[in-house]
Amino acid sequence: MKLKILVVVTLMGLAAMSAVAGMKNPVVGGQEMYPTKNIVENAVNSADHTTLVAAVKAAGLVETLEGPGPFTVFAPTNEAFNKLPAGTVDTLLKPENKATLTKVLTYHVVAGRLSSRDLLKKIKEGNGTAQLTTVEGGKLWVTLHDGKHIELKDEKGGTAMVTIANVFQSNGVIHVIDTVVMPN
């Protein structure tokens, strides 16, 4: 019952944020996200995701993320990238580090369209933890933090919170996260 209430409250919160902004779709990075646009078309408009967009371009993943999918993308904000040690982003964006950058980015993508409701169902079925396989081939674990917020745990033991869930796209869904998750 608590999970159902959480989902309803979360969805109501998203609807309220959009209504307050005078928009009917979720707002990310100050811009309305349209379910008729693909992941890249929406992401390029978010002021909070300029680093992610630059990284996707540098890794040559634009065409993939514009494809039919569906994809579930855990999208780190600029602030999430800023939490990395100084110089990490600049180093990853260098052409000679394209393979490493691609590995990190594809670790944030899961095949399929997993809404927060789907993730909560998987968490419940897994007795509190759901294991996801990323496009990169690694594992991410999903739990509920404080029984309220969806949290990711990466292969290195780091965690990230979903701060905006269910940003639906024509080719999947984005869940905004507050920390970059890292593969082994």
Foldseek 3Di string as FASTA:
>chain_A
DLLVVLVVVQVVVQCVVQVVVVHRAGAAQNHHFDQAAFPLVRQVPHPFQPLVNLLCVLLVNPVVRRDQFQKEFAGETPQQVVPPPPPPSVVCSDNVNSVVSVLLRQQRMATDAAFVSNVVVQCVVVVFWHWTQTPSGAIWIWGADVSRWIKIAEPVGDIWTQPRTFNHYSRHGYGYIHHRHGHD
